[in-house]
Amino acid sequence: MIVKTEGIVLKTFDFRETSRIATFFTRDFGKVKGILKGIRKDPKKFGSSIEKFSVNDIVYYQHRNSDLHLVSHCDMKDFFSGLRQDLERMTAASYASELIDTLMPAEEQNLEIYNLMQVFLKDLQTTGDISKLVQTFQIKILSLSGFQPHLEACVRCSKNVAQRPCFSLRLGGLLCGGCKDSVGEATPISLGAVASILHIQKNNWDAALRLGMVPFIKQELRYILNHFLVFHLERQLRSTRFLT
């Protein structure tokens, strides 16, 4: 079956002497892997060089018995040139791409996450606070993919946590004082950090970015979010180490 859709390039690698395999996160079909035969021998054969995190219109032959499809056309729509001259912005874009590739199952549409990646890449070209942008993206994608931490009440007993909250990586949420002692492992987290995550979860992208964060809150969020993702993904993303 011939399929046409729009997709963001998550990663590529060379295949044999003339071809390249790309993983796209597409608007209509989720994460799709395709081979572009002959693109390295004749780059003009396609209207795109399939650079990472570029947006492309693609046409491919959908194989029923394989997860590798044959891409026949690929035309560039958006290159996001504003982020490609800055190493920190490139690293943030690589991290977002790697996170989507790791979190999302193959060929399962998620239009909300597709739109999230689009607006993230767009704002990444101009924003001055890259770490806040990355943390907002982390919180949003966890929420949209069903992995969001439980912060409304104690994840173990459902009581309201009004003071000295702790966060359990294993249980994926807040613990009250009593449950913290019985569970035995938890990281202290401020009420300000909890409120910041809840605000970002519940509001749209633009409203989430308008939230003010003092440096110690951002530092807390970096620690909690990165360790939460590592725990549940069961591996460290390669690009995380380069994020400030």
C-alpha atoms as a PDB file:
ATOM      1  CA  MET A   1       0.000   0.000   0.000  1.00  0.00           C
ATOM      2  CA  ILE A   2       1.282   3.486  -0.882  1.00  0.00           C
ATOM      3  CA  VAL A   3       1.120   5.961   2.006  1.00  0.00           C
ATOM      4  CA  LYS A   4       1.694   9.717   2.100  1.00  0.00           C
ATOM      5  CA  THR A   5       2.249  11.616   5.335  1.00  0.00           C
ATOM      6  CA  GLU A   6       4.349  14.274   7.069  1.00  0.00           C
ATOM      7  CA  GLY A   7       7.165  13.229   9.357  1.00  0.00           C
ATOM      8  CA  ILE A   8       9.991  14.488  11.554  1.00  0.00           C
ATOM      9  CA  VAL A   9      13.344  12.746  11.126  1.00  0.00           C
ATOM     10  CA  LEU A  10      14.406  11.225  14.454  1.00  0.00           C
ATOM     11  CA  LYS A  11      17.587   9.464  13.312  1.00  0.00           C
ATOM     12  CA  THR A  12      19.353   8.101  10.226  1.00  0.00           C
ATOM     13  CA  PHE A  13      22.181   5.757   9.387  1.00  0.00           C
ATOM     14  CA  ASP A  14      23.883   4.714   6.179  1.00  0.00           C
ATOM     15  CA  PHE A  15      22.955   1.362   4.660  1.00  0.00           C
ATOM     16  CA  ARG A  16      25.297  -0.382   2.260  1.00  0.00           C
ATOM     17  CA  GLU A  17      27.025   1.874  -0.276  1.00  0.00           C
ATOM     18  CA  THR A  18      24.221   4.000  -1.654  1.00  0.00           C
ATOM     19  CA  SER A  19      21.228   3.963   0.681  1.00  0.00           C
ATOM     20  CA  ARG A  20      20.157   5.347   4.029  1.00  0.00           C
ATOM     21  CA  ILE A  21      17.664   4.186   6.644  1.00  0.00           C
ATOM     22  CA  ALA A  22      15.671   6.825   8.520  1.00  0.00           C
ATOM     23  CA  THR A  23      13.302   6.721  11.455  1.00  0.00           C
ATOM     24  CA  PHE A  24      10.470   9.240  11.085  1.00  0.00           C
ATOM     25  CA  PHE A  25       7.889  10.281  13.632  1.00  0.00           C
ATOM     26  CA  THR A  26       4.916  10.850  11.376  1.00  0.00           C
ATOM     27  CA  ARG A  27       1.726  12.811  11.807  1.00  0.00           C
ATOM     28  CA  ASP A  28      -0.591   9.978  10.742  1.00  0.00           C
ATOM     29  CA  PHE A  29       1.215   6.722  11.515  1.00  0.00           C
ATOM     30  CA  GLY A  30       3.519   7.392  14.470  1.00  0.00           C
ATOM     31  CA  LYS A  31       7.083   6.100  14.379  1.00  0.00           C
ATOM     32  CA  VAL A  32       7.976   4.663  10.977  1.00  0.00           C
ATOM     33  CA  LYS A  33      11.267   3.267   9.694  1.00  0.00           C
ATOM     34  CA  GLY A  34      12.042   3.590   5.996  1.00  0.00           C
ATOM     35  CA  ILE A  35      14.848   2.979   3.543  1.00  0.00           C
ATOM     36  CA  LEU A  36      15.753   5.573   0.905  1.00  0.00           C
ATOM     37  CA  LYS A  37      17.506   3.589  -1.805  1.00  0.00           C
ATOM     38  CA  GLY A  38      20.193   5.395  -3.779  1.00  0.00           C
ATOM     39  CA  ILE A  39      20.031   8.672  -1.829  1.00  0.00           C
ATOM     40  CA  ARG A  40      23.779   8.708  -1.133  1.00  0.00           C
ATOM     41  CA  LYS A  41      24.673   7.993  -4.749  1.00  0.00           C
ATOM     42  CA  ASP A  42      22.200  10.499  -6.207  1.00  0.00           C
ATOM     43  CA  PRO A  43      21.077  13.071  -3.567  1.00  0.00           C
ATOM     44  CA  LYS A  44      18.916  14.865  -6.173  1.00  0.00           C
ATOM     45  CA  LYS A  45      16.747  11.763  -6.383  1.00  0.00           C
ATOM     46  CA  PHE A  46      14.952  13.056  -3.283  1.00  0.00           C
ATOM     47  CA  GLY A  47      13.918  16.595  -2.367  1.00  0.00           C
ATOM     48  CA  SER A  48      15.460  16.231   1.090  1.00  0.00           C
ATOM     49  CA  SER A  49      18.773  15.262   2.628  1.00  0.00           C
ATOM     50  CA  ILE A  50      16.753  13.859   5.615  1.00  0.00           C
ATOM     51  CA  GLU A  51      18.657  15.856   8.214  1.00  0.00           C
ATOM     52  CA  LYS A  52      17.773  15.045  11.827  1.00  0.00           C
ATOM     53  CA  PHE A  53      14.709  16.870  13.196  1.00  0.00           C
ATOM     54  CA  SER A  54      13.735  18.233   9.788  1.00  0.00           C
ATOM     55  CA  VAL A  55      10.068  18.000   8.763  1.00  0.00           C
ATOM     56  CA  ASN A  56       9.373  16.225   5.465  1.00  0.00           C
ATOM     57  CA  ASP A  57       6.525  15.131   3.261  1.00  0.00           C
ATOM     58  CA  ILE A  58       7.165  11.452   2.607  1.00  0.00           C
ATOM     59  CA  VAL A  59       5.627   8.791   0.389  1.00  0.00           C
ATOM     60  CA  TYR A  60       6.406   5.165   1.134  1.00  0.00           C
ATOM     61  CA  TYR A  61       5.349   1.658   0.246  1.00  0.00           C
ATOM     62  CA  GLN A  62       3.965   0.119   3.425  1.00  0.00           C
ATOM     63  CA  HIS A  63       5.118  -3.489   3.834  1.00  0.00           C
ATOM     64  CA  ARG A  64       2.739  -5.660   5.832  1.00  0.00           C
ATOM     65  CA  ASN A  65       5.339  -8.210   6.887  1.00  0.00           C
ATOM     66  CA  SER A  66       8.203  -5.861   7.757  1.00  0.00           C
ATOM     67  CA  ASP A  67       8.767  -2.761   9.861  1.00  0.00           C
ATOM     68  CA  LEU A  68      11.124  -1.378   7.195  1.00  0.00           C
ATOM     69  CA  HIS A  69       9.266   0.420   4.421  1.00  0.00           C
ATOM     70  CA  LEU A  70      10.476   1.685   1.048  1.00  0.00           C
ATOM     71  CA  VAL A  71      10.462   5.502   0.830  1.00  0.00           C
ATOM     72  CA  SER A  72       9.922   6.673  -2.748  1.00  0.00           C
ATOM     73  CA  HIS A  73       9.607  10.439  -2.181  1.00  0.00           C
ATOM     74  CA  CYS A  74      10.848  12.731   0.572  1.00  0.00           C
ATOM     75  CA  ASP A  75      10.467  16.507   0.283  1.00  0.00           C
ATOM     76  CA  MET A  76      11.763  18.962   2.883  1.00  0.00           C
ATOM     77  CA  LYS A  77       9.171  21.224   4.531  1.00  0.00           C
ATOM     78  CA  ASP A  78      11.019  22.740   7.502  1.00  0.00           C
ATOM     79  CA  PHE A  79      14.715  22.586   8.323  1.00  0.00           C
ATOM     80  CA  PHE A  80      14.635  24.574  11.591  1.00  0.00           C
ATOM     81  CA  SER A  81      17.793  26.356  10.534  1.00  0.00           C
ATOM     82  CA  GLY A  82      17.661  28.644  13.581  1.00  0.00           C
ATOM     83  CA  LEU A  83      18.782  25.878  15.938  1.00  0.00           C
ATOM     84  CA  ARG A  84      21.547  24.347  13.809  1.00  0.00           C
ATOM     85  CA  GLN A  85      24.273  26.902  14.481  1.00  0.00           C
ATOM     86  CA  ASP A  86      24.181  26.435  18.258  1.00  0.00           C
ATOM     87  CA  LEU A  87      25.530  23.299  19.970  1.00  0.00           C
ATOM     88  CA  GLU A  88      23.226  23.553  23.015  1.00  0.00           C
ATOM     89  CA  ARG A  89      20.135  23.872  20.817  1.00  0.00           C
ATOM     90  CA  MET A  90      21.259  20.968  18.639  1.00  0.00           C
ATOM     91  CA  THR A  91      21.813  18.852  21.742  1.00  0.00           C
ATOM     92  CA  ALA A  92      18.335  19.695  23.048  1.00  0.00           C
ATOM     93  CA  ALA A  93      16.790  18.745  19.697  1.00  0.00           C
ATOM     94  CA  SER A  94      18.761  15.480  19.670  1.00  0.00           C
ATOM     95  CA  TYR A  95      17.556  14.712  23.187  1.00  0.00           C
ATOM     96  CA  ALA A  96      13.900  15.279  22.248  1.00  0.00           C
ATOM     97  CA  SER A  97      14.298  13.078  19.162  1.00  0.00           C
ATOM     98  CA  GLU A  98      15.946  10.308  21.179  1.00  0.00           C
ATOM     99  CA  LEU A  99      13.247  10.529  23.855  1.00  0.00           C
ATOM    100  CA  ILE A 100      10.443  10.170  21.303  1.00  0.00           C
ATOM    101  CA  ASP A 101      12.253   7.287  19.600  1.00  0.00           C
ATOM    102  CA  THR A 102      12.604   5.514  22.968  1.00  0.00           C
ATOM    103  CA  LEU A 103       9.146   6.211  24.399  1.00  0.00           C
ATOM    104  CA  MET A 104       6.942   5.751  21.366  1.00  0.00           C
ATOM    105  CA  PRO A 105       5.965   2.333  19.984  1.00  0.00           C
ATOM    106  CA  ALA A 106       6.284   1.647  16.278  1.00  0.00           C
ATOM    107  CA  GLU A 107       3.486   2.734  13.951  1.00  0.00           C
ATOM    108  CA  GLU A 108       1.109   4.039  16.607  1.00  0.00           C
ATOM    109  CA  GLN A 109      -0.272   7.502  15.899  1.00  0.00           C
ATOM    110  CA  ASN A 110      -0.032  10.175  18.591  1.00  0.00           C
ATOM    111  CA  LEU A 111      -0.925  13.503  17.078  1.00  0.00           C
ATOM    112  CA  GLU A 112      -0.520  15.388  20.361  1.00  0.00           C
ATOM    113  CA  ILE A 113       3.091  14.294  20.719  1.00  0.00           C
ATOM    114  CA  TYR A 114       3.719  15.024  17.045  1.00  0.00           C
ATOM    115  CA  ASN A 115       2.455  18.588  17.527  1.00  0.00           C
ATOM    116  CA  LEU A 116       4.460  18.862  20.761  1.00  0.00           C
ATOM    117  CA  MET A 117       7.674  18.029  18.903  1.00  0.00           C
ATOM    118  CA  GLN A 118       6.848  20.561  16.196  1.00  0.00           C
ATOM    119  CA  VAL A 119       6.285  23.437  18.631  1.00  0.00           C
ATOM    120  CA  PHE A 120       9.336  22.419  20.681  1.00  0.00           C
ATOM    121  CA  LEU A 121      11.618  22.575  17.641  1.00  0.00           C
ATOM    122  CA  LYS A 122      10.076  25.863  16.532  1.00  0.00           C
ATOM    123  CA  ASP A 123      10.578  27.539  19.926  1.00  0.00           C
ATOM    124  CA  LEU A 124      14.031  26.010  20.329  1.00  0.00           C
ATOM    125  CA  GLN A 125      15.242  28.257  17.519  1.00  0.00           C
ATOM    126  CA  THR A 126      14.676  31.456  19.520  1.00  0.00           C
ATOM    127  CA  THR A 127      14.157  30.731  23.222  1.00  0.00           C
ATOM    128  CA  GLY A 128      16.775  31.985  25.647  1.00  0.00           C
ATOM    129  CA  ASP A 129      16.050  29.441  28.390  1.00  0.00           C
ATOM    130  CA  ILE A 130      16.815  26.101  26.785  1.00  0.00           C
ATOM    131  CA  SER A 131      16.811  24.092  30.030  1.00  0.00           C
ATOM    132  CA  LYS A 132      13.273  25.294  30.850  1.00  0.00           C
ATOM    133  CA  LEU A 133      12.155  24.373  27.345  1.00  0.00           C
ATOM    134  CA  VAL A 134      13.591  20.857  27.713  1.00  0.00           C
ATOM    135  CA  GLN A 135      11.999  20.351  31.134  1.00  0.00           C
ATOM    136  CA  THR A 136       8.624  21.519  29.818  1.00  0.00           C
ATOM    137  CA  PHE A 137       8.977  19.075  26.923  1.00  0.00           C
ATOM    138  CA  GLN A 138       9.853  16.235  29.336  1.00  0.00           C
ATOM    139  CA  ILE A 139       6.812  16.881  31.517  1.00  0.00           C
ATOM    140  CA  LYS A 140       4.477  17.202  28.531  1.00  0.00           C
ATOM    141  CA  ILE A 141       5.660  14.055  26.761  1.00  0.00           C
ATOM    142  CA  LEU A 142       5.447  12.020  29.971  1.00  0.00           C
ATOM    143  CA  SER A 143       1.865  13.196  30.384  1.00  0.00           C
ATOM    144  CA  LEU A 144       0.872  12.551  26.758  1.00  0.00           C
ATOM    145  CA  SER A 145       2.488   9.114  26.617  1.00  0.00           C
ATOM    146  CA  GLY A 146       0.883   7.859  29.837  1.00  0.00           C
ATOM    147  CA  PHE A 147       4.015   7.920  32.016  1.00  0.00           C
ATOM    148  CA  GLN A 148       3.291  11.075  34.007  1.00  0.00           C
ATOM    149  CA  PRO A 149       4.228  10.978  37.705  1.00  0.00           C
ATOM    150  CA  HIS A 150       1.424  10.899  40.281  1.00  0.00           C
ATOM    151  CA  LEU A 151       1.578  14.219  42.144  1.00  0.00           C
ATOM    152  CA  GLU A 152      -1.982  14.988  43.264  1.00  0.00           C
ATOM    153  CA  ALA A 153      -1.685  12.899  46.449  1.00  0.00           C
ATOM    154  CA  CYS A 154       0.402  10.146  48.027  1.00  0.00           C
ATOM    155  CA  VAL A 155       0.831   7.445  45.407  1.00  0.00           C
ATOM    156  CA  ARG A 156       0.618   4.720  48.077  1.00  0.00           C
ATOM    157  CA  CYS A 157      -2.178   5.764  50.464  1.00  0.00           C
ATOM    158  CA  SER A 158      -3.887   8.602  48.486  1.00  0.00           C
ATOM    159  CA  LYS A 159      -3.621  11.068  51.372  1.00  0.00           C
ATOM    160  CA  ASN A 160      -2.963  14.732  50.638  1.00  0.00           C
ATOM    161  CA  VAL A 161       0.736  15.584  50.937  1.00  0.00           C
ATOM    162  CA  ALA A 162       0.718  19.027  52.494  1.00  0.00           C
ATOM    163  CA  GLN A 163       4.280  19.252  53.751  1.00  0.00           C
ATOM    164  CA  ARG A 164       7.738  17.779  53.235  1.00  0.00           C
ATOM    165  CA  PRO A 165       6.807  15.673  50.188  1.00  0.00           C
ATOM    166  CA  CYS A 166       9.128  13.021  48.834  1.00  0.00           C
ATOM    167  CA  PHE A 167       9.178  11.431  45.380  1.00  0.00           C
ATOM    168  CA  SER A 168       9.490   7.706  44.719  1.00  0.00           C
ATOM    169  CA  LEU A 169      11.089   6.780  41.417  1.00  0.00           C
ATOM    170  CA  ARG A 170       9.951   3.169  41.759  1.00  0.00           C
ATOM    171  CA  LEU A 171       6.316   4.022  42.504  1.00  0.00           C
ATOM    172  CA  GLY A 172       6.261   7.030  40.196  1.00  0.00           C
ATOM    173  CA  GLY A 173       4.803   9.624  42.532  1.00  0.00           C
ATOM    174  CA  LEU A 174       4.689  11.504  45.816  1.00  0.00           C
ATOM    175  CA  LEU A 175       4.907   9.841  49.214  1.00  0.00           C
ATOM    176  CA  CYS A 176       3.611  11.209  52.506  1.00  0.00           C
ATOM    177  CA  GLY A 177       5.745  10.994  55.639  1.00  0.00           C
ATOM    178  CA  GLY A 178       4.235   7.722  56.837  1.00  0.00           C
ATOM    179  CA  CYS A 179       4.535   5.946  53.523  1.00  0.00           C
ATOM    180  CA  LYS A 180       8.060   7.248  52.975  1.00  0.00           C
ATOM    181  CA  ASP A 181       9.176   5.497  56.149  1.00  0.00           C
ATOM    182  CA  SER A 182       7.562   2.197  55.146  1.00  0.00           C
ATOM    183  CA  VAL A 183       8.683   2.276  51.508  1.00  0.00           C
ATOM    184  CA  GLY A 184      12.239   3.174  52.463  1.00  0.00           C
ATOM    185  CA  GLU A 185      13.365   5.010  49.351  1.00  0.00           C
ATOM    186  CA  ALA A 186      12.366   8.480  48.248  1.00  0.00           C
ATOM    187  CA  THR A 187      13.883  11.790  47.173  1.00  0.00           C
ATOM    188  CA  PRO A 188      12.815  15.028  48.891  1.00  0.00           C
ATOM    189  CA  ILE A 189      11.039  17.422  46.539  1.00  0.00           C
ATOM    190  CA  SER A 190       9.821  20.942  47.261  1.00  0.00           C
ATOM    191  CA  LEU A 191       6.177  21.966  47.041  1.00  0.00           C
ATOM    192  CA  GLY A 192       7.303  24.547  44.472  1.00  0.00           C
ATOM    193  CA  ALA A 193       8.676  21.847  42.184  1.00  0.00           C
ATOM    194  CA  VAL A 194       5.485  19.795  42.575  1.00  0.00           C
ATOM    195  CA  ALA A 195       3.351  22.842  41.754  1.00  0.00           C
ATOM    196  CA  SER A 196       5.505  23.600  38.693  1.00  0.00           C
ATOM    197  CA  ILE A 197       5.086  20.092  37.267  1.00  0.00           C
ATOM    198  CA  LEU A 198       1.324  20.143  37.872  1.00  0.00           C
ATOM    199  CA  HIS A 199       1.021  23.561  36.211  1.00  0.00           C
ATOM    200  CA  ILE A 200       2.871  22.344  33.124  1.00  0.00           C
ATOM    201  CA  GLN A 201       0.819  19.126  32.977  1.00  0.00           C
ATOM    202  CA  LYS A 202      -2.496  20.970  33.126  1.00  0.00           C
ATOM    203  CA  ASN A 203      -1.818  23.953  30.857  1.00  0.00           C
ATOM    204  CA  ASN A 204      -1.115  24.340  27.158  1.00  0.00           C
ATOM    205  CA  TRP A 205       2.398  24.791  25.803  1.00  0.00           C
ATOM    206  CA  ASP A 206       2.455  28.596  25.734  1.00  0.00           C
ATOM    207  CA  ALA A 207       0.999  28.931  29.235  1.00  0.00           C
ATOM    208  CA  ALA A 208       3.469  26.346  30.544  1.00  0.00           C
ATOM    209  CA  LEU A 209       6.409  28.309  29.161  1.00  0.00           C
ATOM    210  CA  ARG A 210       5.196  31.504  30.839  1.00  0.00           C
ATOM    211  CA  LEU A 211       5.599  29.896  34.251  1.00  0.00           C
ATOM    212  CA  GLY A 212       8.430  31.536  36.181  1.00  0.00           C
ATOM    213  CA  MET A 213      11.006  29.218  37.743  1.00  0.00           C
ATOM    214  CA  VAL A 214      13.716  30.166  40.217  1.00  0.00           C
ATOM    215  CA  PRO A 215      17.078  28.398  39.727  1.00  0.00           C
ATOM    216  CA  PHE A 216      16.695  25.912  42.595  1.00  0.00           C
ATOM    217  CA  ILE A 217      13.312  24.727  41.231  1.00  0.00           C
ATOM    218  CA  LYS A 218      14.855  24.151  37.803  1.00  0.00           C
ATOM    219  CA  GLN A 219      17.693  22.233  39.446  1.00  0.00           C
ATOM    220  CA  GLU A 220      15.193  20.042  41.321  1.00  0.00           C
ATOM    221  CA  LEU A 221      13.190  19.382  38.163  1.00  0.00           C
ATOM    222  CA  ARG A 222      16.334  18.440  36.250  1.00  0.00           C
ATOM    223  CA  TYR A 223      17.262  15.864  38.876  1.00  0.00           C
ATOM    224  CA  ILE A 224      13.756  14.399  39.345  1.00  0.00           C
ATOM    225  CA  LEU A 225      12.801  14.276  35.657  1.00  0.00           C
ATOM    226  CA  ASN A 226      16.098  12.854  34.422  1.00  0.00           C
ATOM    227  CA  HIS A 227      16.229  10.165  37.109  1.00  0.00           C
ATOM    228  CA  PHE A 228      12.531   9.323  36.652  1.00  0.00           C
ATOM    229  CA  LEU A 229      13.059   8.837  32.923  1.00  0.00           C
ATOM    230  CA  VAL A 230      16.196   6.743  33.399  1.00  0.00           C
ATOM    231  CA  PHE A 231      14.420   4.531  35.950  1.00  0.00           C
ATOM    232  CA  HIS A 232      11.396   3.845  33.752  1.00  0.00           C
ATOM    233  CA  LEU A 233      13.224   3.648  30.439  1.00  0.00           C
ATOM    234  CA  GLU A 234      15.816   1.406  32.109  1.00  0.00           C
ATOM    235  CA  ARG A 235      18.639   3.194  30.344  1.00  0.00           C
ATOM    236  CA  GLN A 236      20.362   6.544  30.090  1.00  0.00           C
ATOM    237  CA  LEU A 237      19.706   8.456  26.875  1.00  0.00           C
ATOM    238  CA  ARG A 238      22.985   9.244  25.146  1.00  0.00           C
ATOM    239  CA  SER A 239      22.232  12.932  24.660  1.00  0.00           C
ATOM    240  CA  THR A 240      21.307  13.556  28.334  1.00  0.00           C
ATOM    241  CA  ARG A 241      24.920  13.871  29.422  1.00  0.00           C
ATOM    242  CA  PHE A 242      25.449  16.894  27.170  1.00  0.00           C
ATOM    243  CA  LEU A 243      22.494  18.869  28.559  1.00  0.00           C
ATOM    244  CA  THR A 244      23.433  21.566  31.060  1.00  0.00           C
END
